[in-house]
Amino acid sequence: MTIMVPADVLQQIHNLLEEAYSDEGAGLLLGTVEGEEKRVLSIFPLPNVREDGARHNRFLITAEDFYRGEQAAASLGLDVIGVYHSHPDSPNRPSEYDRQWALPWFSYIITRVQKGQALNSRSWLLTEDRQRFVEEELVISEG
């Protein structure tokens, strides 16, 4: 599976995650799926509503916020195809917490934000048996 993300959309993600630092930031990926290729066309930023003491290494998306994201996607003729979030001062690979809350059909773009600076992003897919993540090819496009 490949996920295509326009450079300007990835920059929006990085900007939002830098603003959220030193907490984890998060939002939804809106786009399309055709065969083995996902295309992110927009994002839907969301507040991290975890309690104060846990926001630095956990994020929480409420059902209401997810529903608002689905409505926004539908209004654009798109689908929610995944989630983006940051790992402040930590590697951008999924944690056990990420695995426990993930859905197998979503892409999870994780950005490492080191000392307030977004360094790089990687995308992950949870296997159907929910036991582990596999890295998905992240292709940054020009438009």
Foldseek 3Di string as FASTA:
>chain_A
DEEEEAPVQVVVVQVQQLVCPLFKWKWFFKFDDDDPYTYGDHIGTDDFPDPPVCRNADGDDDPVNVVVVQVVNVVVVIGGAAMEMENEQDDFDDDPVCLVPDDQRHKYWYFYQYPSGTDDIWIWGQHPVSPGIDTHHYHHHND
